[in-house]
Amino acid sequence: MTEEVKKAAPAAAAATTDRPARPQGDRPQRPQRPQRGGAGGRFQRRRKFCKFCADTTINIDHKDPDMLRGFITERYKILPSRVTGTCAKHQRFLTTAIKRARVLALVPFTPLHHD
């Protein structure tokens, strides 16, 4: 092809589109999203708090499997602190207590372990 035909082909292809030409320059503004945490949300999440810091009479003990079962899933995985709301200090104590209870067979390792 000659250079004249090469230059004319892209111009002809651009002219056959159905869309109107967009003006060059400033982009169209997007609508502003509402700011997070404002009153426009659907619900207000309740603030999580550490159960052990709030009530100092509760002791984390590996010999109390009923208390520990509230901090493990039905698959016997340890729940993270972002789910339970416990602080980092008490989450470490909980993890140690659950692991000790597992070794003593007070809490099973997996759902496949039966009594």
PDB file of N, CA and C in Angstrom:
ATOM      1  N   MET A   1       0.832  -1.190   0.000  1.00  0.00           N
ATOM      2  CA  MET A   1       0.000   0.000   0.000  1.00  0.00           C
ATOM      3  C   MET A   1       0.868   1.242   0.000  1.00  0.00           C
ATOM      4  N   THR A   2       0.311   2.257  -0.490  1.00  0.00           N
ATOM      5  CA  THR A   2       1.044   3.519  -0.487  1.00  0.00           C
ATOM      6  C   THR A   2       0.803   4.225   0.820  1.00  0.00           C
ATOM      7  N   GLU A   3       1.606   5.206   1.102  1.00  0.00           N
ATOM      8  CA  GLU A   3       1.475   5.936   2.363  1.00  0.00           C
ATOM      9  C   GLU A   3       0.172   6.715   2.441  1.00  0.00           C
ATOM     10  N   GLU A   4      -0.341   7.170   1.320  1.00  0.00           N
ATOM     11  CA  GLU A   4      -1.599   7.924   1.310  1.00  0.00           C
ATOM     12  C   GLU A   4      -2.759   7.034   1.735  1.00  0.00           C
ATOM     13  N   VAL A   5      -2.769   5.794   1.276  1.00  0.00           N
ATOM     14  CA  VAL A   5      -3.841   4.865   1.615  1.00  0.00           C
ATOM     15  C   VAL A   5      -3.749   4.466   3.084  1.00  0.00           C
ATOM     16  N   LYS A   6      -2.528   4.283   3.600  1.00  0.00           N
ATOM     17  CA  LYS A   6      -2.337   3.928   5.002  1.00  0.00           C
ATOM     18  C   LYS A   6      -2.857   5.020   5.919  1.00  0.00           C
ATOM     19  N   LYS A   7      -2.631   6.274   5.575  1.00  0.00           N
ATOM     20  CA  LYS A   7      -3.094   7.386   6.408  1.00  0.00           C
ATOM     21  C   LYS A   7      -4.604   7.559   6.308  1.00  0.00           C
ATOM     22  N   ALA A   8      -5.183   7.264   5.183  1.00  0.00           N
ATOM     23  CA  ALA A   8      -6.614   7.461   4.971  1.00  0.00           C
ATOM     24  C   ALA A   8      -7.429   6.360   5.638  1.00  0.00           C
ATOM     25  N   ALA A   9      -6.893   5.148   5.766  1.00  0.00           N
ATOM     26  CA  ALA A   9      -7.644   4.029   6.333  1.00  0.00           C
ATOM     27  C   ALA A   9      -8.019   4.245   7.792  1.00  0.00           C
ATOM     28  N   PRO A  10      -7.120   4.661   8.712  1.00  0.00           N
ATOM     29  CA  PRO A  10      -7.543   4.882  10.097  1.00  0.00           C
ATOM     30  C   PRO A  10      -8.533   6.031  10.231  1.00  0.00           C
ATOM     31  N   ALA A  11      -8.403   7.044   9.441  1.00  0.00           N
ATOM     32  CA  ALA A  11      -9.336   8.160   9.514  1.00  0.00           C
ATOM     33  C   ALA A  11     -10.722   7.720   9.070  1.00  0.00           C
ATOM     34  N   ALA A  12     -10.807   6.885   8.059  1.00  0.00           N
ATOM     35  CA  ALA A  12     -12.091   6.399   7.578  1.00  0.00           C
ATOM     36  C   ALA A  12     -12.733   5.467   8.604  1.00  0.00           C
ATOM     37  N   ALA A  13     -11.923   4.656   9.273  1.00  0.00           N
ATOM     38  CA  ALA A  13     -12.456   3.731  10.285  1.00  0.00           C
ATOM     39  C   ALA A  13     -13.007   4.497  11.475  1.00  0.00           C
ATOM     40  N   ALA A  14     -12.388   5.599  11.847  1.00  0.00           N
ATOM     41  CA  ALA A  14     -12.859   6.384  12.984  1.00  0.00           C
ATOM     42  C   ALA A  14     -14.150   7.103  12.653  1.00  0.00           C
ATOM     43  N   ALA A  15     -14.350   7.435  11.383  1.00  0.00           N
ATOM     44  CA  ALA A  15     -15.551   8.179  10.997  1.00  0.00           C
ATOM     45  C   ALA A  15     -16.772   7.276  10.928  1.00  0.00           C
ATOM     46  N   THR A  16     -16.608   5.957  10.857  1.00  0.00           N
ATOM     47  CA  THR A  16     -17.752   5.062  10.702  1.00  0.00           C
ATOM     48  C   THR A  16     -18.373   4.661  12.028  1.00  0.00           C
ATOM     49  N   THR A  17     -17.836   5.056  13.167  1.00  0.00           N
ATOM     50  CA  THR A  17     -18.409   4.667  14.454  1.00  0.00           C
ATOM     51  C   THR A  17     -19.680   5.462  14.721  1.00  0.00           C
ATOM     52  N   ASP A  18     -20.581   4.877  15.518  1.00  0.00           N
ATOM     53  CA  ASP A  18     -21.858   5.517  15.824  1.00  0.00           C
ATOM     54  C   ASP A  18     -21.765   6.501  16.978  1.00  0.00           C
ATOM     55  N   ARG A  19     -20.699   6.396  17.732  1.00  0.00           N
ATOM     56  CA  ARG A  19     -20.573   7.256  18.905  1.00  0.00           C
ATOM     57  C   ARG A  19     -20.129   8.657  18.511  1.00  0.00           C
ATOM     58  N   PRO A  20     -20.641   9.656  19.238  1.00  0.00           N
ATOM     59  CA  PRO A  20     -20.137  11.009  18.963  1.00  0.00           C
ATOM     60  C   PRO A  20     -18.725  11.153  19.498  1.00  0.00           C
ATOM     61  N   ALA A  21     -17.994  12.044  18.890  1.00  0.00           N
ATOM     62  CA  ALA A  21     -16.606  12.251  19.296  1.00  0.00           C
ATOM     63  C   ALA A  21     -16.566  12.890  20.678  1.00  0.00           C
ATOM     64  N   ARG A  22     -15.708  12.363  21.542  1.00  0.00           N
ATOM     65  CA  ARG A  22     -15.559  12.918  22.885  1.00  0.00           C
ATOM     66  C   ARG A  22     -14.600  14.099  22.818  1.00  0.00           C
ATOM     67  N   PRO A  23     -14.955  15.200  23.468  1.00  0.00           N
ATOM     68  CA  PRO A  23     -14.051  16.359  23.408  1.00  0.00           C
ATOM     69  C   PRO A  23     -12.742  16.038  24.105  1.00  0.00           C
ATOM     70  N   GLN A  24     -11.672  16.489  23.534  1.00  0.00           N
ATOM     71  CA  GLN A  24     -10.362  16.281  24.116  1.00  0.00           C
ATOM     72  C   GLN A  24     -10.142  17.310  25.215  1.00  0.00           C
ATOM     73  N   GLY A  25      -9.471  16.899  26.253  1.00  0.00           N
ATOM     74  CA  GLY A  25      -9.199  17.834  27.340  1.00  0.00           C
ATOM     75  C   GLY A  25      -9.614  17.243  28.665  1.00  0.00           C
ATOM     76  N   ASP A  26     -10.398  17.977  29.436  1.00  0.00           N
ATOM     77  CA  ASP A  26     -10.800  17.538  30.767  1.00  0.00           C
ATOM     78  C   ASP A  26     -11.684  16.305  30.684  1.00  0.00           C
ATOM     79  N   ARG A  27     -11.446  15.379  31.617  1.00  0.00           N
ATOM     80  CA  ARG A  27     -12.263  14.183  31.699  1.00  0.00           C
ATOM     81  C   ARG A  27     -13.551  14.521  32.423  1.00  0.00           C
ATOM     82  N   PRO A  28     -14.632  13.805  32.125  1.00  0.00           N
ATOM     83  CA  PRO A  28     -15.881  14.073  32.853  1.00  0.00           C
ATOM     84  C   PRO A  28     -15.731  13.692  34.325  1.00  0.00           C
ATOM     85  N   GLN A  29     -16.349  14.439  35.184  1.00  0.00           N
ATOM     86  CA  GLN A  29     -16.248  14.211  36.629  1.00  0.00           C
ATOM     87  C   GLN A  29     -17.125  13.041  37.034  1.00  0.00           C
ATOM     88  N   ARG A  30     -16.591  12.192  37.905  1.00  0.00           N
ATOM     89  CA  ARG A  30     -17.366  11.087  38.470  1.00  0.00           C
ATOM     90  C   ARG A  30     -18.207  11.611  39.619  1.00  0.00           C
ATOM     91  N   PRO A  31     -19.364  10.982  39.858  1.00  0.00           N
ATOM     92  CA  PRO A  31     -20.139  11.403  41.035  1.00  0.00           C
ATOM     93  C   PRO A  31     -19.387  11.032  42.312  1.00  0.00           C
ATOM     94  N   GLN A  32     -19.456  11.875  43.300  1.00  0.00           N
ATOM     95  CA  GLN A  32     -18.743  11.655  44.554  1.00  0.00           C
ATOM     96  C   GLN A  32     -19.438  10.580  45.365  1.00  0.00           C
ATOM     97  N   ARG A  33     -18.644   9.665  45.915  1.00  0.00           N
ATOM     98  CA  ARG A  33     -19.176   8.640  46.800  1.00  0.00           C
ATOM     99  C   ARG A  33     -19.327   9.217  48.194  1.00  0.00           C
ATOM    100  N   PRO A  34     -20.314   8.732  48.959  1.00  0.00           N
ATOM    101  CA  PRO A  34     -20.414   9.222  50.345  1.00  0.00           C
ATOM    102  C   PRO A  34     -19.229   8.747  51.162  1.00  0.00           C
ATOM    103  N   GLN A  35     -18.809   9.543  52.099  1.00  0.00           N
ATOM    104  CA  GLN A  35     -17.670   9.206  52.943  1.00  0.00           C
ATOM    105  C   GLN A  35     -18.052   8.072  53.877  1.00  0.00           C
ATOM    106  N   ARG A  36     -17.082   7.171  54.111  1.00  0.00           N
ATOM    107  CA  ARG A  36     -17.335   6.051  55.032  1.00  0.00           C
ATOM    108  C   ARG A  36     -17.435   6.562  56.462  1.00  0.00           C
ATOM    109  N   GLY A  37     -18.218   5.850  57.242  1.00  0.00           N
ATOM    110  CA  GLY A  37     -18.344   6.206  58.646  1.00  0.00           C
ATOM    111  C   GLY A  37     -19.368   7.299  58.885  1.00  0.00           C
ATOM    112  N   GLY A  38     -19.998   7.769  57.849  1.00  0.00           N
ATOM    113  CA  GLY A  38     -20.991   8.823  58.003  1.00  0.00           C
ATOM    114  C   GLY A  38     -22.347   8.243  58.357  1.00  0.00           C
ATOM    115  N   ALA A  39     -23.335   9.103  58.414  1.00  0.00           N
ATOM    116  CA  ALA A  39     -24.680   8.686  58.779  1.00  0.00           C
ATOM    117  C   ALA A  39     -25.407   8.039  57.614  1.00  0.00           C
ATOM    118  N   GLY A  40     -24.825   8.036  56.414  1.00  0.00           N
ATOM    119  CA  GLY A  40     -25.487   7.492  55.248  1.00  0.00           C
ATOM    120  C   GLY A  40     -25.399   5.986  55.139  1.00  0.00           C
ATOM    121  N   GLY A  41     -24.726   5.305  56.073  1.00  0.00           N
ATOM    122  CA  GLY A  41     -24.570   3.857  55.993  1.00  0.00           C
ATOM    123  C   GLY A  41     -25.848   3.129  56.343  1.00  0.00           C
ATOM    124  N   ARG A  42     -25.854   1.830  56.054  1.00  0.00           N
ATOM    125  CA  ARG A  42     -27.045   1.037  56.332  1.00  0.00           C
ATOM    126  C   ARG A  42     -27.179   0.706  57.819  1.00  0.00           C
ATOM    127  N   PHE A  43     -26.068   0.404  58.433  1.00  0.00           N
ATOM    128  CA  PHE A  43     -26.102   0.086  59.854  1.00  0.00           C
ATOM    129  C   PHE A  43     -24.799   0.526  60.487  1.00  0.00           C
ATOM    130  N   GLN A  44     -24.833   0.635  61.795  1.00  0.00           N
ATOM    131  CA  GLN A  44     -23.629   1.017  62.517  1.00  0.00           C
ATOM    132  C   GLN A  44     -23.103  -0.215  63.243  1.00  0.00           C
ATOM    133  N   ARG A  45     -21.879  -0.582  62.950  1.00  0.00           N
ATOM    134  CA  ARG A  45     -21.291  -1.774  63.539  1.00  0.00           C
ATOM    135  C   ARG A  45     -20.972  -1.530  65.007  1.00  0.00           C
ATOM    136  N   ARG A  46     -21.294  -2.529  65.820  1.00  0.00           N
ATOM    137  CA  ARG A  46     -21.019  -2.429  67.244  1.00  0.00           C
ATOM    138  C   ARG A  46     -19.528  -2.581  67.477  1.00  0.00           C
ATOM    139  N   ARG A  47     -18.977  -1.766  68.326  1.00  0.00           N
ATOM    140  CA  ARG A  47     -17.546  -1.812  68.586  1.00  0.00           C
ATOM    141  C   ARG A  47     -17.210  -3.079  69.364  1.00  0.00           C
ATOM    142  N   LYS A  48     -16.171  -3.790  68.916  1.00  0.00           N
ATOM    143  CA  LYS A  48     -15.745  -5.011  69.593  1.00  0.00           C
ATOM    144  C   LYS A  48     -14.871  -4.650  70.784  1.00  0.00           C
ATOM    145  N   PHE A  49     -14.948  -5.472  71.793  1.00  0.00           N
ATOM    146  CA  PHE A  49     -14.145  -5.233  72.985  1.00  0.00           C
ATOM    147  C   PHE A  49     -13.621  -6.568  73.493  1.00  0.00           C
ATOM    148  N   CYS A  50     -12.544  -6.496  74.246  1.00  0.00           N
ATOM    149  CA  CYS A  50     -11.950  -7.703  74.797  1.00  0.00           C
ATOM    150  C   CYS A  50     -12.772  -8.153  76.003  1.00  0.00           C
ATOM    151  N   LYS A  51     -13.267  -9.364  75.926  1.00  0.00           N
ATOM    152  CA  LYS A  51     -14.096  -9.933  76.997  1.00  0.00           C
ATOM    153  C   LYS A  51     -13.296 -10.065  78.298  1.00  0.00           C
ATOM    154  N   PHE A  52     -12.003 -10.342  78.167  1.00  0.00           N
ATOM    155  CA  PHE A  52     -11.173 -10.585  79.343  1.00  0.00           C
ATOM    156  C   PHE A  52     -10.699  -9.284  79.983  1.00  0.00           C
ATOM    157  N   CYS A  53     -10.544  -8.237  79.198  1.00  0.00           N
ATOM    158  CA  CYS A  53     -10.186  -6.937  79.770  1.00  0.00           C
ATOM    159  C   CYS A  53     -11.384  -6.299  80.465  1.00  0.00           C
ATOM    160  N   ALA A  54     -12.582  -6.525  79.911  1.00  0.00           N
ATOM    161  CA  ALA A  54     -13.787  -5.931  80.489  1.00  0.00           C
ATOM    162  C   ALA A  54     -14.159  -6.591  81.814  1.00  0.00           C
ATOM    163  N   ASP A  55     -14.018  -7.907  81.890  1.00  0.00           N
ATOM    164  CA  ASP A  55     -14.363  -8.647  83.107  1.00  0.00           C
ATOM    165  C   ASP A  55     -13.106  -9.362  83.589  1.00  0.00           C
ATOM    166  N   THR A  56     -12.443  -8.787  84.580  1.00  0.00           N
ATOM    167  CA  THR A  56     -11.168  -9.326  85.054  1.00  0.00           C
ATOM    168  C   THR A  56     -11.325 -10.601  85.883  1.00  0.00           C
ATOM    169  N   THR A  57     -12.560 -10.992  86.194  1.00  0.00           N
ATOM    170  CA  THR A  57     -12.754 -12.214  86.983  1.00  0.00           C
ATOM    171  C   THR A  57     -12.657 -13.474  86.114  1.00  0.00           C
ATOM    172  N   ILE A  58     -12.751 -13.313  84.790  1.00  0.00           N
ATOM    173  CA  ILE A  58     -12.660 -14.467  83.892  1.00  0.00           C
ATOM    174  C   ILE A  58     -11.189 -14.820  83.698  1.00  0.00           C
ATOM    175  N   ASN A  59     -10.851 -16.064  83.984  1.00  0.00           N
ATOM    176  CA  ASN A  59      -9.485 -16.540  83.794  1.00  0.00           C
ATOM    177  C   ASN A  59      -9.415 -17.410  82.550  1.00  0.00           C
ATOM    178  N   ILE A  60      -8.351 -17.265  81.819  1.00  0.00           N
ATOM    179  CA  ILE A  60      -8.115 -18.132  80.663  1.00  0.00           C
ATOM    180  C   ILE A  60      -7.378 -19.357  81.183  1.00  0.00           C
ATOM    181  N   ASP A  61      -8.079 -20.499  81.174  1.00  0.00           N
ATOM    182  CA  ASP A  61      -7.513 -21.716  81.727  1.00  0.00           C
ATOM    183  C   ASP A  61      -7.693 -22.855  80.734  1.00  0.00           C
ATOM    184  N   HIS A  62      -6.649 -23.617  80.508  1.00  0.00           N
ATOM    185  CA  HIS A  62      -6.727 -24.719  79.564  1.00  0.00           C
ATOM    186  C   HIS A  62      -7.584 -25.866  80.087  1.00  0.00           C
ATOM    187  N   LYS A  63      -7.912 -25.871  81.379  1.00  0.00           N
ATOM    188  CA  LYS A  63      -8.723 -26.932  81.966  1.00  0.00           C
ATOM    189  C   LYS A  63     -10.216 -26.637  81.882  1.00  0.00           C
ATOM    190  N   ASP A  64     -10.591 -25.537  81.198  1.00  0.00           N
ATOM    191  CA  ASP A  64     -11.999 -25.159  81.043  1.00  0.00           C
ATOM    192  C   ASP A  64     -12.381 -25.213  79.556  1.00  0.00           C
ATOM    193  N   PRO A  65     -12.676 -26.403  79.025  1.00  0.00           N
ATOM    194  CA  PRO A  65     -12.953 -26.507  77.587  1.00  0.00           C
ATOM    195  C   PRO A  65     -14.237 -25.817  77.154  1.00  0.00           C
ATOM    196  N   ASP A  66     -15.209 -25.668  78.061  1.00  0.00           N
ATOM    197  CA  ASP A  66     -16.446 -24.993  77.694  1.00  0.00           C
ATOM    198  C   ASP A  66     -16.201 -23.517  77.359  1.00  0.00           C
ATOM    199  N   MET A  67     -15.331 -22.873  78.110  1.00  0.00           N
ATOM    200  CA  MET A  67     -14.996 -21.489  77.824  1.00  0.00           C
ATOM    201  C   MET A  67     -14.183 -21.388  76.533  1.00  0.00           C
ATOM    202  N   LEU A  68     -13.290 -22.339  76.306  1.00  0.00           N
ATOM    203  CA  LEU A  68     -12.445 -22.304  75.118  1.00  0.00           C
ATOM    204  C   LEU A  68     -13.224 -22.578  73.846  1.00  0.00           C
ATOM    205  N   ARG A  69     -14.323 -23.307  73.918  1.00  0.00           N
ATOM    206  CA  ARG A  69     -15.111 -23.639  72.722  1.00  0.00           C
ATOM    207  C   ARG A  69     -15.744 -22.403  72.088  1.00  0.00           C
ATOM    208  N   GLY A  70     -15.871 -21.338  72.858  1.00  0.00           N
ATOM    209  CA  GLY A  70     -16.389 -20.096  72.287  1.00  0.00           C
ATOM    210  C   GLY A  70     -15.388 -19.388  71.393  1.00  0.00           C
ATOM    211  N   PHE A  71     -14.147 -19.828  71.402  1.00  0.00           N
ATOM    212  CA  PHE A  71     -13.095 -19.176  70.638  1.00  0.00           C
ATOM    213  C   PHE A  71     -12.510 -20.075  69.550  1.00  0.00           C
ATOM    214  N   ILE A  72     -13.219 -21.179  69.238  1.00  0.00           N
ATOM    215  CA  ILE A  72     -12.810 -22.039  68.140  1.00  0.00           C
ATOM    216  C   ILE A  72     -14.017 -22.290  67.244  1.00  0.00           C
ATOM    217  N   THR A  73     -13.749 -22.610  65.971  1.00  0.00           N
ATOM    218  CA  THR A  73     -14.827 -22.849  65.015  1.00  0.00           C
ATOM    219  C   THR A  73     -15.349 -24.271  65.147  1.00  0.00           C
ATOM    220  N   GLU A  74     -16.365 -24.597  64.344  1.00  0.00           N
ATOM    221  CA  GLU A  74     -16.891 -25.962  64.366  1.00  0.00           C
ATOM    222  C   GLU A  74     -15.898 -26.945  63.757  1.00  0.00           C
ATOM    223  N   ARG A  75     -14.909 -26.413  63.009  1.00  0.00           N
ATOM    224  CA  ARG A  75     -13.819 -27.241  62.479  1.00  0.00           C
ATOM    225  C   ARG A  75     -12.623 -27.236  63.431  1.00  0.00           C
ATOM    226  N   TYR A  76     -12.803 -26.679  64.611  1.00  0.00           N
ATOM    227  CA  TYR A  76     -11.808 -26.619  65.690  1.00  0.00           C
ATOM    228  C   TYR A  76     -10.582 -25.793  65.333  1.00  0.00           C
ATOM    229  N   LYS A  77     -10.781 -24.756  64.528  1.00  0.00           N
ATOM    230  CA  LYS A  77      -9.711 -23.803  64.268  1.00  0.00           C
ATOM    231  C   LYS A  77      -9.845 -22.656  65.263  1.00  0.00           C
ATOM    232  N   ILE A  78      -8.738 -22.069  65.634  1.00  0.00           N
ATOM    233  CA  ILE A  78      -8.747 -20.948  66.570  1.00  0.00           C
ATOM    234  C   ILE A  78      -9.230 -19.705  65.837  1.00  0.00           C
ATOM    235  N   LEU A  79     -10.239 -19.038  66.393  1.00  0.00           N
ATOM    236  CA  LEU A  79     -10.764 -17.823  65.771  1.00  0.00           C
ATOM    237  C   LEU A  79      -9.779 -16.674  65.943  1.00  0.00           C
ATOM    238  N   PRO A  80      -9.602 -15.822  64.924  1.00  0.00           N
ATOM    239  CA  PRO A  80      -8.688 -14.688  65.058  1.00  0.00           C
ATOM    240  C   PRO A  80      -9.285 -13.594  65.930  1.00  0.00           C
ATOM    241  N   SER A  81      -8.418 -12.734  66.420  1.00  0.00           N
ATOM    242  CA  SER A  81      -8.876 -11.679  67.330  1.00  0.00           C
ATOM    243  C   SER A  81      -9.754 -10.661  66.618  1.00  0.00           C
ATOM    244  N   ARG A  82      -9.623 -10.512  65.294  1.00  0.00           N
ATOM    245  CA  ARG A  82     -10.490  -9.565  64.594  1.00  0.00           C
ATOM    246  C   ARG A  82     -11.932 -10.052  64.553  1.00  0.00           C
ATOM    247  N   VAL A  83     -12.138 -11.362  64.739  1.00  0.00           N
ATOM    248  CA  VAL A  83     -13.489 -11.914  64.799  1.00  0.00           C
ATOM    249  C   VAL A  83     -14.026 -11.872  66.227  1.00  0.00           C
ATOM    250  N   THR A  84     -13.212 -12.300  67.188  1.00  0.00           N
ATOM    251  CA  THR A  84     -13.676 -12.384  68.569  1.00  0.00           C
ATOM    252  C   THR A  84     -13.597 -11.055  69.302  1.00  0.00           C
ATOM    253  N   GLY A  85     -12.684 -10.172  68.888  1.00  0.00           N
ATOM    254  CA  GLY A  85     -12.545  -8.883  69.547  1.00  0.00           C
ATOM    255  C   GLY A  85     -11.590  -8.885  70.715  1.00  0.00           C
ATOM    256  N   THR A  86     -10.898  -9.986  70.954  1.00  0.00           N
ATOM    257  CA  THR A  86      -9.957 -10.018  72.078  1.00  0.00           C
ATOM    258  C   THR A  86      -8.712  -9.205  71.744  1.00  0.00           C
ATOM    259  N   CYS A  87      -8.080  -8.666  72.764  1.00  0.00           N
ATOM    260  CA  CYS A  87      -6.861  -7.896  72.551  1.00  0.00           C
ATOM    261  C   CYS A  87      -5.704  -8.866  72.271  1.00  0.00           C
ATOM    262  N   ALA A  88      -4.574  -8.330  71.846  1.00  0.00           N
ATOM    263  CA  ALA A  88      -3.435  -9.159  71.446  1.00  0.00           C
ATOM    264  C   ALA A  88      -2.894  -9.975  72.617  1.00  0.00           C
ATOM    265  N   LYS A  89      -2.856  -9.368  73.782  1.00  0.00           N
ATOM    266  CA  LYS A  89      -2.326 -10.063  74.959  1.00  0.00           C
ATOM    267  C   LYS A  89      -3.180 -11.285  75.304  1.00  0.00           C
ATOM    268  N   HIS A  90      -4.481 -11.101  75.376  1.00  0.00           N
ATOM    269  CA  HIS A  90      -5.363 -12.205  75.736  1.00  0.00           C
ATOM    270  C   HIS A  90      -5.504 -13.209  74.588  1.00  0.00           C
ATOM    271  N   GLN A  91      -5.334 -12.767  73.339  1.00  0.00           N
ATOM    272  CA  GLN A  91      -5.366 -13.711  72.219  1.00  0.00           C
ATOM    273  C   GLN A  91      -4.195 -14.677  72.314  1.00  0.00           C
ATOM    274  N   ARG A  92      -3.042 -14.189  72.736  1.00  0.00           N
ATOM    275  CA  ARG A  92      -1.886 -15.080  72.920  1.00  0.00           C
ATOM    276  C   ARG A  92      -2.148 -16.089  74.025  1.00  0.00           C
ATOM    277  N   PHE A  93      -2.741 -15.638  75.141  1.00  0.00           N
ATOM    278  CA  PHE A  93      -3.076 -16.561  76.234  1.00  0.00           C
ATOM    279  C   PHE A  93      -4.104 -17.592  75.786  1.00  0.00           C
ATOM    280  N   LEU A  94      -5.097 -17.147  74.998  1.00  0.00           N
ATOM    281  CA  LEU A  94      -6.126 -18.057  74.501  1.00  0.00           C
ATOM    282  C   LEU A  94      -5.525 -19.127  73.593  1.00  0.00           C
ATOM    283  N   THR A  95      -4.649 -18.711  72.694  1.00  0.00           N
ATOM    284  CA  THR A  95      -4.018 -19.648  71.769  1.00  0.00           C
ATOM    285  C   THR A  95      -3.226 -20.703  72.531  1.00  0.00           C
ATOM    286  N   THR A  96      -2.471 -20.280  73.528  1.00  0.00           N
ATOM    287  CA  THR A  96      -1.687 -21.222  74.339  1.00  0.00           C
ATOM    288  C   THR A  96      -2.602 -22.182  75.091  1.00  0.00           C
ATOM    289  N   ALA A  97      -3.693 -21.648  75.663  1.00  0.00           N
ATOM    290  CA  ALA A  97      -4.620 -22.487  76.429  1.00  0.00           C
ATOM    291  C   ALA A  97      -5.310 -23.505  75.525  1.00  0.00           C
ATOM    292  N   ILE A  98      -5.704 -23.095  74.317  1.00  0.00           N
ATOM    293  CA  ILE A  98      -6.371 -24.029  73.393  1.00  0.00           C
ATOM    294  C   ILE A  98      -5.406 -25.135  72.973  1.00  0.00           C
ATOM    295  N   LYS A  99      -4.162 -24.765  72.713  1.00  0.00           N
ATOM    296  CA  LYS A  99      -3.177 -25.771  72.303  1.00  0.00           C
ATOM    297  C   LYS A  99      -2.868 -26.740  73.435  1.00  0.00           C
ATOM    298  N   ARG A 100      -2.828 -26.248  74.659  1.00  0.00           N
ATOM    299  CA  ARG A 100      -2.595 -27.140  75.805  1.00  0.00           C
ATOM    300  C   ARG A 100      -3.788 -28.066  76.008  1.00  0.00           C
ATOM    301  N   ALA A 101      -5.006 -27.534  75.833  1.00  0.00           N
ATOM    302  CA  ALA A 101      -6.206 -28.361  75.987  1.00  0.00           C
ATOM    303  C   ALA A 101      -6.273 -29.432  74.905  1.00  0.00           C
ATOM    304  N   ARG A 102      -5.769 -29.132  73.729  1.00  0.00           N
ATOM    305  CA  ARG A 102      -5.725 -30.128  72.663  1.00  0.00           C
ATOM    306  C   ARG A 102      -4.778 -31.276  73.024  1.00  0.00           C
ATOM    307  N   VAL A 103      -3.623 -30.945  73.571  1.00  0.00           N
ATOM    308  CA  VAL A 103      -2.644 -31.973  73.928  1.00  0.00           C
ATOM    309  C   VAL A 103      -3.194 -32.867  75.039  1.00  0.00           C
ATOM    310  N   LEU A 104      -3.953 -32.270  75.955  1.00  0.00           N
ATOM    311  CA  LEU A 104      -4.548 -33.048  77.050  1.00  0.00           C
ATOM    312  C   LEU A 104      -5.856 -33.722  76.642  1.00  0.00           C
ATOM    313  N   ALA A 105      -6.261 -33.588  75.368  1.00  0.00           N
ATOM    314  CA  ALA A 105      -7.472 -34.207  74.818  1.00  0.00           C
ATOM    315  C   ALA A 105      -8.743 -33.647  75.444  1.00  0.00           C
ATOM    316  N   LEU A 106      -8.703 -32.416  75.910  1.00  0.00           N
ATOM    317  CA  LEU A 106      -9.921 -31.769  76.393  1.00  0.00           C
ATOM    318  C   LEU A 106     -10.672 -31.109  75.236  1.00  0.00           C
ATOM    319  N   VAL A 107      -9.949 -30.701  74.230  1.00  0.00           N
ATOM    320  CA  VAL A 107     -10.510 -30.127  73.008  1.00  0.00           C
ATOM    321  C   VAL A 107      -9.891 -30.905  71.852  1.00  0.00           C
ATOM    322  N   PRO A 108     -10.705 -31.378  70.894  1.00  0.00           N
ATOM    323  CA  PRO A 108     -10.130 -32.155  69.788  1.00  0.00           C
ATOM    324  C   PRO A 108      -9.359 -31.276  68.803  1.00  0.00           C
ATOM    325  N   PHE A 109      -8.433 -31.892  68.089  1.00  0.00           N
ATOM    326  CA  PHE A 109      -7.675 -31.199  67.058  1.00  0.00           C
ATOM    327  C   PHE A 109      -8.537 -30.963  65.820  1.00  0.00           C
ATOM    328  N   THR A 110      -9.312 -31.979  65.423  1.00  0.00           N
ATOM    329  CA  THR A 110     -10.157 -31.908  64.228  1.00  0.00           C
ATOM    330  C   THR A 110     -11.514 -32.500  64.544  1.00  0.00           C
ATOM    331  N   PRO A 111     -12.505 -32.273  63.681  1.00  0.00           N
ATOM    332  CA  PRO A 111     -13.820 -32.892  63.913  1.00  0.00           C
ATOM    333  C   PRO A 111     -13.805 -34.413  63.745  1.00  0.00           C
ATOM    334  N   LEU A 112     -12.736 -34.964  63.193  1.00  0.00           N
ATOM    335  CA  LEU A 112     -12.651 -36.417  63.010  1.00  0.00           C
ATOM    336  C   LEU A 112     -12.258 -37.136  64.295  1.00  0.00           C
ATOM    337  N   HIS A 113     -11.725 -36.407  65.279  1.00  0.00           N
ATOM    338  CA  HIS A 113     -11.366 -37.027  66.554  1.00  0.00           C
ATOM    339  C   HIS A 113     -12.617 -37.201  67.407  1.00  0.00           C
ATOM    340  N   HIS A 114     -12.910 -38.426  67.749  1.00  0.00           N
ATOM    341  CA  HIS A 114     -14.080 -38.730  68.568  1.00  0.00           C
ATOM    342  C   HIS A 114     -13.636 -39.169  69.961  1.00  0.00           C
ATOM    343  N   ASP A 115     -14.567 -39.101  70.900  1.00  0.00           N
ATOM    344  CA  ASP A 115     -14.255 -39.508  72.289  1.00  0.00           C
ATOM    345  C   ASP A 115     -14.051 -40.997  72.405  1.00  0.00           C
TER     346      ASP A 115
END
